[in-house]
Amino acid sequence: MQVLLDEAVPVIAFYFGLPGQQLLSRIQAAGTFTMGTVTCLQEAQKLQAAGKSCGASNTERWLH
């Protein structure tokens, strides 16, 4: 992850889980846009809770 931050990668997508809030905060501070996908309701809720740090998500199917 440090390489992505050092290289100022513009977008980071998470497909298998969501990193902790500390790492999400570092990614956000670097100006990197984040995206994530979910496979169940619990993951959708976690991604939604991280919403201020996560720029895009695929939670609508699970939360509606």
N, C-alpha and C. Protein backbone atom coordinates (compact mmCIF):
# COMPACT_ATOMS: atom_id res chain seq x y z
N MET A 1 0.83 -1.18 0.00
CA MET A 1 0.00 0.00 0.00
C MET A 1 0.88 1.25 0.00
N GLN A 2 2.00 1.19 0.68
CA GLN A 2 2.87 2.36 0.75
C GLN A 2 3.34 2.78 -0.64
N VAL A 3 3.62 1.82 -1.51
CA VAL A 3 4.04 2.14 -2.87
C VAL A 3 2.94 2.91 -3.59
N LEU A 4 1.70 2.50 -3.43
CA LEU A 4 0.58 3.21 -4.07
C LEU A 4 0.49 4.65 -3.58
N LEU A 5 0.70 4.84 -2.28
CA LEU A 5 0.67 6.19 -1.72
C LEU A 5 1.88 7.01 -2.19
N ASP A 6 3.05 6.39 -2.20
CA ASP A 6 4.26 7.09 -2.64
C ASP A 6 4.19 7.51 -4.10
N GLU A 7 3.56 6.67 -4.92
CA GLU A 7 3.46 6.95 -6.36
C GLU A 7 2.25 7.80 -6.72
N ALA A 8 1.48 8.21 -5.73
CA ALA A 8 0.30 9.06 -5.94
C ALA A 8 -0.67 8.46 -6.96
N VAL A 9 -0.94 7.17 -6.80
CA VAL A 9 -1.92 6.49 -7.65
C VAL A 9 -3.27 7.18 -7.46
N PRO A 10 -3.95 7.58 -8.54
CA PRO A 10 -5.18 8.37 -8.39
C PRO A 10 -6.39 7.60 -7.86
N VAL A 11 -6.44 6.27 -8.08
CA VAL A 11 -7.59 5.47 -7.66
C VAL A 11 -7.10 4.15 -7.08
N ILE A 12 -7.68 3.77 -5.95
CA ILE A 12 -7.42 2.46 -5.36
C ILE A 12 -8.78 1.79 -5.15
N ALA A 13 -8.91 0.56 -5.65
CA ALA A 13 -10.16 -0.18 -5.50
C ALA A 13 -9.92 -1.40 -4.61
N PHE A 14 -10.87 -1.65 -3.74
CA PHE A 14 -10.81 -2.79 -2.83
C PHE A 14 -11.89 -3.78 -3.22
N TYR A 15 -11.50 -5.02 -3.44
CA TYR A 15 -12.44 -6.04 -3.86
C TYR A 15 -12.63 -7.14 -2.84
N PHE A 16 -11.69 -7.33 -1.96
CA PHE A 16 -11.78 -8.38 -0.95
C PHE A 16 -11.54 -7.76 0.41
N GLY A 17 -12.58 -7.19 0.98
CA GLY A 17 -12.46 -6.55 2.29
C GLY A 17 -12.14 -5.08 2.18
N LEU A 18 -12.16 -4.44 3.30
CA LEU A 18 -11.94 -3.00 3.39
C LEU A 18 -10.84 -2.77 4.42
N PRO A 19 -9.85 -1.94 4.10
CA PRO A 19 -8.79 -1.68 5.08
C PRO A 19 -9.33 -0.90 6.27
N GLY A 20 -8.56 -0.87 7.31
CA GLY A 20 -8.95 -0.15 8.51
C GLY A 20 -9.05 1.36 8.29
N GLN A 21 -9.70 2.02 9.23
CA GLN A 21 -9.93 3.46 9.11
C GLN A 21 -8.63 4.26 9.06
N GLN A 22 -7.61 3.81 9.77
CA GLN A 22 -6.33 4.53 9.75
C GLN A 22 -5.74 4.55 8.34
N LEU A 23 -5.74 3.41 7.67
CA LEU A 23 -5.22 3.35 6.31
C LEU A 23 -6.12 4.14 5.36
N LEU A 24 -7.43 4.03 5.50
CA LEU A 24 -8.34 4.81 4.65
C LEU A 24 -8.09 6.30 4.82
N SER A 25 -7.81 6.73 6.03
CA SER A 25 -7.51 8.14 6.28
C SER A 25 -6.23 8.57 5.58
N ARG A 26 -5.22 7.71 5.58
CA ARG A 26 -3.96 8.02 4.88
C ARG A 26 -4.19 8.11 3.38
N ILE A 27 -5.00 7.20 2.86
CA ILE A 27 -5.31 7.21 1.43
C ILE A 27 -6.05 8.49 1.07
N GLN A 28 -7.02 8.87 1.88
CA GLN A 28 -7.79 10.08 1.64
C GLN A 28 -6.89 11.31 1.72
N ALA A 29 -5.99 11.35 2.70
CA ALA A 29 -5.08 12.49 2.86
C ALA A 29 -4.17 12.64 1.65
N ALA A 30 -3.88 11.53 0.98
CA ALA A 30 -3.04 11.58 -0.23
C ALA A 30 -3.82 12.04 -1.45
N GLY A 31 -5.13 12.23 -1.29
CA GLY A 31 -5.96 12.68 -2.40
C GLY A 31 -6.35 11.56 -3.36
N THR A 32 -6.24 10.33 -2.92
CA THR A 32 -6.57 9.17 -3.75
C THR A 32 -8.05 8.84 -3.62
N PHE A 33 -8.69 8.60 -4.75
CA PHE A 33 -10.09 8.22 -4.79
C PHE A 33 -10.17 6.73 -4.52
N THR A 34 -11.09 6.30 -3.66
CA THR A 34 -11.22 4.89 -3.34
C THR A 34 -12.56 4.34 -3.80
N MET A 35 -12.55 3.06 -4.13
CA MET A 35 -13.76 2.35 -4.52
C MET A 35 -13.75 0.99 -3.85
N GLY A 36 -14.91 0.40 -3.69
CA GLY A 36 -14.98 -0.93 -3.12
C GLY A 36 -16.21 -1.67 -3.59
N THR A 37 -16.15 -2.97 -3.56
CA THR A 37 -17.30 -3.80 -3.88
C THR A 37 -17.60 -4.69 -2.68
N VAL A 38 -18.81 -5.18 -2.64
CA VAL A 38 -19.24 -6.01 -1.53
C VAL A 38 -19.92 -7.27 -2.04
N THR A 39 -19.95 -8.29 -1.19
CA THR A 39 -20.59 -9.54 -1.57
C THR A 39 -21.70 -9.95 -0.61
N CYS A 40 -21.91 -9.17 0.44
CA CYS A 40 -22.97 -9.49 1.39
C CYS A 40 -23.39 -8.23 2.15
N LEU A 41 -24.47 -8.33 2.89
CA LEU A 41 -25.00 -7.19 3.62
C LEU A 41 -23.99 -6.63 4.62
N GLN A 42 -23.29 -7.50 5.34
CA GLN A 42 -22.35 -7.03 6.34
C GLN A 42 -21.22 -6.20 5.71
N GLU A 43 -20.72 -6.63 4.58
CA GLU A 43 -19.69 -5.87 3.88
C GLU A 43 -20.26 -4.54 3.39
N ALA A 44 -21.50 -4.54 2.91
CA ALA A 44 -22.14 -3.30 2.46
C ALA A 44 -22.26 -2.31 3.60
N GLN A 45 -22.62 -2.79 4.77
CA GLN A 45 -22.75 -1.90 5.93
C GLN A 45 -21.39 -1.33 6.34
N LYS A 46 -20.35 -2.14 6.30
CA LYS A 46 -19.01 -1.66 6.63
C LYS A 46 -18.54 -0.61 5.63
N LEU A 47 -18.79 -0.88 4.34
CA LEU A 47 -18.38 0.07 3.31
C LEU A 47 -19.16 1.37 3.44
N GLN A 48 -20.44 1.26 3.73
CA GLN A 48 -21.25 2.46 3.91
C GLN A 48 -20.77 3.26 5.11
N ALA A 49 -20.40 2.57 6.19
CA ALA A 49 -19.91 3.25 7.39
C ALA A 49 -18.60 3.98 7.11
N ALA A 50 -17.81 3.47 6.17
CA ALA A 50 -16.55 4.12 5.80
C ALA A 50 -16.78 5.17 4.72
N GLY A 51 -18.02 5.49 4.43
CA GLY A 51 -18.40 6.36 3.32
C GLY A 51 -17.65 7.65 3.17
N LYS A 52 -17.28 8.28 4.26
CA LYS A 52 -16.56 9.55 4.15
C LYS A 52 -15.17 9.35 3.57
N SER A 53 -14.63 8.14 3.72
CA SER A 53 -13.30 7.86 3.19
C SER A 53 -13.36 7.13 1.86
N CYS A 54 -14.47 6.52 1.58
CA CYS A 54 -14.58 5.71 0.37
C CYS A 54 -15.38 6.48 -0.67
N GLY A 55 -14.77 6.77 -1.80
CA GLY A 55 -15.40 7.61 -2.79
C GLY A 55 -16.54 6.97 -3.54
N ALA A 56 -16.49 5.69 -3.80
CA ALA A 56 -17.54 5.01 -4.56
C ALA A 56 -17.72 3.62 -3.99
N SER A 57 -18.93 3.14 -4.09
CA SER A 57 -19.19 1.81 -3.57
C SER A 57 -20.30 1.14 -4.38
N ASN A 58 -20.40 -0.14 -4.19
CA ASN A 58 -21.43 -0.92 -4.86
C ASN A 58 -22.31 -1.54 -3.77
N THR A 59 -23.02 -0.69 -3.01
CA THR A 59 -23.80 -1.18 -1.88
C THR A 59 -25.30 -1.19 -2.13
N GLU A 60 -25.77 -0.56 -3.20
CA GLU A 60 -27.19 -0.39 -3.39
C GLU A 60 -27.96 -1.70 -3.39
N ARG A 61 -27.41 -2.73 -4.01
CA ARG A 61 -28.11 -4.02 -4.07
C ARG A 61 -28.38 -4.57 -2.68
N TRP A 62 -27.47 -4.37 -1.76
CA TRP A 62 -27.58 -4.95 -0.44
C TRP A 62 -28.34 -4.07 0.54
N LEU A 63 -28.36 -2.78 0.31
CA LEU A 63 -28.95 -1.86 1.29
C LEU A 63 -30.36 -1.42 0.93
N HIS A 64 -30.88 -1.85 -0.20
CA HIS A 64 -32.26 -1.45 -0.59
C HIS A 64 -33.15 -2.64 -0.71
